[in-house]
N, C-alpha and C. Protein backbone atom coordinates (compact mmCIF):
# COMPACT_ATOMS: atom_id res chain seq x y z
N MET A 1 -2.75 48.96 9.14
CA MET A 1 -3.38 47.71 9.55
C MET A 1 -2.43 46.96 10.48
N VAL A 2 -2.96 46.48 11.58
CA VAL A 2 -2.22 45.69 12.55
C VAL A 2 -2.85 44.30 12.58
N THR A 3 -2.02 43.26 12.59
CA THR A 3 -2.53 41.91 12.71
C THR A 3 -1.91 41.25 13.91
N GLY A 4 -2.59 40.26 14.43
CA GLY A 4 -2.06 39.56 15.58
C GLY A 4 -2.72 38.22 15.78
N LEU A 5 -2.14 37.46 16.66
CA LEU A 5 -2.68 36.16 17.06
C LEU A 5 -3.04 36.26 18.54
N VAL A 6 -4.22 35.78 18.87
CA VAL A 6 -4.63 35.75 20.27
C VAL A 6 -4.77 34.29 20.67
N LEU A 7 -3.99 33.89 21.66
CA LEU A 7 -4.09 32.54 22.21
C LEU A 7 -5.14 32.59 23.31
N VAL A 8 -6.10 31.67 23.24
CA VAL A 8 -7.23 31.72 24.16
C VAL A 8 -7.36 30.40 24.92
N ARG A 9 -7.49 30.50 26.23
CA ARG A 9 -7.79 29.35 27.07
C ARG A 9 -9.26 29.45 27.47
N LEU A 10 -10.00 28.36 27.28
CA LEU A 10 -11.44 28.34 27.54
C LEU A 10 -11.77 27.63 28.84
N ASN A 11 -12.93 27.98 29.40
CA ASN A 11 -13.46 27.24 30.55
C ASN A 11 -14.14 25.99 30.02
N ALA A 12 -13.99 24.89 30.71
CA ALA A 12 -14.62 23.63 30.30
C ALA A 12 -16.14 23.75 30.32
N GLY A 13 -16.76 23.16 29.30
CA GLY A 13 -18.22 23.11 29.23
C GLY A 13 -18.86 24.23 28.43
N LYS A 14 -18.11 25.24 28.03
CA LYS A 14 -18.68 26.37 27.30
C LYS A 14 -18.00 26.55 25.95
N GLU A 15 -17.30 25.53 25.48
CA GLU A 15 -16.48 25.68 24.28
C GLU A 15 -17.29 26.10 23.05
N LYS A 16 -18.40 25.42 22.77
CA LYS A 16 -19.16 25.72 21.55
C LYS A 16 -19.72 27.13 21.53
N GLN A 17 -20.31 27.55 22.65
CA GLN A 17 -20.89 28.90 22.73
C GLN A 17 -19.80 29.96 22.63
N THR A 18 -18.67 29.72 23.30
CA THR A 18 -17.57 30.67 23.30
C THR A 18 -16.96 30.79 21.91
N LEU A 19 -16.74 29.66 21.25
CA LEU A 19 -16.19 29.66 19.90
C LEU A 19 -17.08 30.44 18.95
N LYS A 20 -18.39 30.22 19.03
CA LYS A 20 -19.34 30.92 18.16
C LYS A 20 -19.27 32.44 18.39
N ALA A 21 -19.23 32.85 19.65
CA ALA A 21 -19.17 34.28 19.96
C ALA A 21 -17.87 34.91 19.47
N ILE A 22 -16.75 34.20 19.61
CA ILE A 22 -15.47 34.73 19.14
C ILE A 22 -15.49 34.88 17.63
N LYS A 23 -16.01 33.88 16.91
CA LYS A 23 -16.07 33.95 15.45
C LYS A 23 -16.89 35.13 14.96
N GLU A 24 -17.90 35.53 15.73
CA GLU A 24 -18.78 36.64 15.36
C GLU A 24 -18.23 38.01 15.73
N THR A 25 -17.09 38.04 16.41
CA THR A 25 -16.50 39.31 16.86
C THR A 25 -15.86 40.04 15.69
N LYS A 26 -16.21 41.30 15.53
CA LYS A 26 -15.63 42.12 14.46
C LYS A 26 -14.11 42.23 14.66
N GLY A 27 -13.37 41.96 13.58
CA GLY A 27 -11.91 42.00 13.64
C GLY A 27 -11.30 40.61 13.65
N VAL A 28 -12.11 39.61 13.97
CA VAL A 28 -11.62 38.23 13.97
C VAL A 28 -11.65 37.72 12.53
N ALA A 29 -10.47 37.36 12.01
CA ALA A 29 -10.36 36.89 10.63
C ALA A 29 -10.48 35.37 10.54
N HIS A 30 -9.98 34.66 11.56
CA HIS A 30 -9.98 33.20 11.53
C HIS A 30 -9.76 32.67 12.95
N VAL A 31 -10.37 31.52 13.23
CA VAL A 31 -10.19 30.87 14.53
C VAL A 31 -9.80 29.41 14.29
N SER A 32 -8.76 28.95 14.98
CA SER A 32 -8.33 27.55 14.90
C SER A 32 -8.38 26.94 16.29
N ALA A 33 -8.98 25.76 16.40
CA ALA A 33 -8.94 25.01 17.65
C ALA A 33 -7.62 24.24 17.68
N VAL A 34 -6.94 24.27 18.82
CA VAL A 34 -5.65 23.59 18.96
C VAL A 34 -5.63 22.79 20.26
N TYR A 35 -4.68 21.89 20.36
CA TYR A 35 -4.49 21.10 21.57
C TYR A 35 -3.23 21.58 22.28
N GLY A 36 -3.25 21.51 23.59
CA GLY A 36 -2.09 21.93 24.37
C GLY A 36 -2.50 22.92 25.44
N ARG A 37 -1.60 23.82 25.77
CA ARG A 37 -1.85 24.81 26.82
C ARG A 37 -2.98 25.76 26.46
N TRP A 38 -3.15 26.02 25.17
CA TRP A 38 -4.19 26.93 24.69
C TRP A 38 -5.25 26.12 23.93
N ASP A 39 -6.46 26.65 23.88
CA ASP A 39 -7.56 25.95 23.20
C ASP A 39 -7.84 26.51 21.81
N LEU A 40 -7.63 27.82 21.64
CA LEU A 40 -7.90 28.48 20.36
C LEU A 40 -6.76 29.40 19.97
N VAL A 41 -6.56 29.55 18.67
CA VAL A 41 -5.69 30.59 18.13
C VAL A 41 -6.57 31.45 17.24
N VAL A 42 -6.66 32.73 17.58
CA VAL A 42 -7.54 33.66 16.88
C VAL A 42 -6.67 34.63 16.07
N ASP A 43 -6.93 34.73 14.76
CA ASP A 43 -6.25 35.71 13.90
C ASP A 43 -7.07 36.99 13.93
N LEU A 44 -6.42 38.09 14.31
CA LEU A 44 -7.09 39.39 14.40
C LEU A 44 -6.55 40.36 13.37
N GLU A 45 -7.43 41.24 12.92
CA GLU A 45 -7.04 42.37 12.06
C GLU A 45 -7.69 43.62 12.65
N ALA A 46 -6.87 44.67 12.82
CA ALA A 46 -7.38 45.93 13.38
C ALA A 46 -6.69 47.10 12.69
N GLU A 47 -7.30 48.27 12.80
CA GLU A 47 -6.74 49.46 12.15
C GLU A 47 -5.44 49.89 12.81
N ASP A 48 -5.34 49.74 14.13
CA ASP A 48 -4.14 50.16 14.86
C ASP A 48 -4.08 49.40 16.19
N MET A 49 -3.03 49.64 16.95
CA MET A 49 -2.84 48.93 18.21
C MET A 49 -3.95 49.23 19.22
N ALA A 50 -4.42 50.45 19.24
CA ALA A 50 -5.48 50.81 20.17
C ALA A 50 -6.75 50.01 19.88
N HIS A 51 -7.07 49.87 18.60
CA HIS A 51 -8.25 49.10 18.22
C HIS A 51 -8.05 47.62 18.52
N MET A 52 -6.84 47.10 18.30
CA MET A 52 -6.57 45.70 18.63
C MET A 52 -6.74 45.46 20.13
N THR A 53 -6.23 46.36 20.93
CA THR A 53 -6.37 46.26 22.38
C THR A 53 -7.84 46.24 22.76
N GLN A 54 -8.62 47.09 22.14
CA GLN A 54 -10.05 47.16 22.42
C GLN A 54 -10.74 45.84 22.08
N ILE A 55 -10.40 45.25 20.94
CA ILE A 55 -11.01 43.98 20.54
C ILE A 55 -10.70 42.89 21.58
N VAL A 56 -9.43 42.82 21.98
CA VAL A 56 -9.03 41.76 22.92
C VAL A 56 -9.63 41.99 24.30
N VAL A 57 -9.45 43.18 24.83
CA VAL A 57 -9.85 43.45 26.21
C VAL A 57 -11.36 43.59 26.37
N GLU A 58 -11.99 44.38 25.51
CA GLU A 58 -13.41 44.67 25.68
C GLU A 58 -14.34 43.67 25.01
N LYS A 59 -13.85 42.97 24.00
CA LYS A 59 -14.71 42.03 23.28
C LYS A 59 -14.39 40.58 23.65
N ILE A 60 -13.20 40.11 23.28
CA ILE A 60 -12.88 38.69 23.45
C ILE A 60 -12.84 38.30 24.93
N ARG A 61 -12.15 39.05 25.76
CA ARG A 61 -12.05 38.70 27.18
C ARG A 61 -13.39 38.80 27.91
N ALA A 62 -14.34 39.56 27.34
CA ALA A 62 -15.64 39.72 27.97
C ALA A 62 -16.61 38.58 27.62
N ILE A 63 -16.23 37.72 26.69
CA ILE A 63 -17.10 36.62 26.28
C ILE A 63 -17.12 35.55 27.38
N PRO A 64 -18.32 35.15 27.83
CA PRO A 64 -18.40 34.10 28.84
C PRO A 64 -17.72 32.82 28.32
N GLY A 65 -16.89 32.23 29.16
CA GLY A 65 -16.18 31.02 28.78
C GLY A 65 -14.72 31.25 28.46
N VAL A 66 -14.33 32.52 28.25
CA VAL A 66 -12.92 32.82 28.02
C VAL A 66 -12.23 32.91 29.38
N ASN A 67 -11.24 32.06 29.58
CA ASN A 67 -10.53 32.01 30.85
C ASN A 67 -9.35 32.98 30.85
N SER A 68 -8.53 32.95 29.77
CA SER A 68 -7.38 33.83 29.68
C SER A 68 -6.95 33.97 28.23
N THR A 69 -6.16 35.01 27.96
CA THR A 69 -5.66 35.25 26.60
C THR A 69 -4.19 35.68 26.67
N GLU A 70 -3.52 35.49 25.54
CA GLU A 70 -2.19 36.05 25.34
C GLU A 70 -2.15 36.53 23.89
N THR A 71 -1.77 37.77 23.69
CA THR A 71 -1.79 38.37 22.36
C THR A 71 -0.38 38.49 21.80
N LEU A 72 -0.22 38.05 20.55
CA LEU A 72 1.04 38.14 19.84
C LEU A 72 0.81 39.05 18.64
N VAL A 73 1.44 40.20 18.61
CA VAL A 73 1.30 41.14 17.51
C VAL A 73 2.26 40.70 16.40
N THR A 74 1.76 40.61 15.17
CA THR A 74 2.59 40.15 14.08
C THR A 74 3.12 41.33 13.27
N THR A 75 4.27 41.12 12.64
CA THR A 75 4.87 42.14 11.78
C THR A 75 5.32 41.50 10.48
N ALA A 76 5.38 42.29 9.43
CA ALA A 76 5.89 41.78 8.15
C ALA A 76 7.40 41.73 8.21
N ILE A 77 7.97 40.68 7.68
CA ILE A 77 9.43 40.52 7.68
C ILE A 77 9.93 40.57 6.25
C-alpha cells in the first residue's frame, strides 16, 4: 500500500463541482480545503506507485477545474 498527499490548485468558479468529483475518485481517502498557495489537500491510497500515478495523472488532473497538482508520497517512520 502506498499513501500520499496531493496538493491541488483549482480554477476559480468551479470549486464545488471539482471538489465533488475529487471526493468521488477511487483511491481518495480524504479531502481538506485549505488557504494559501494550494486550495485542497487530498489523501490518497493506492496499491503501488504505478496506481498512484494513474490516479493523479489520469483521474484527478483530468477533472475540469483542476489547475495544477503536486504529489507528496508518504512513508512510515
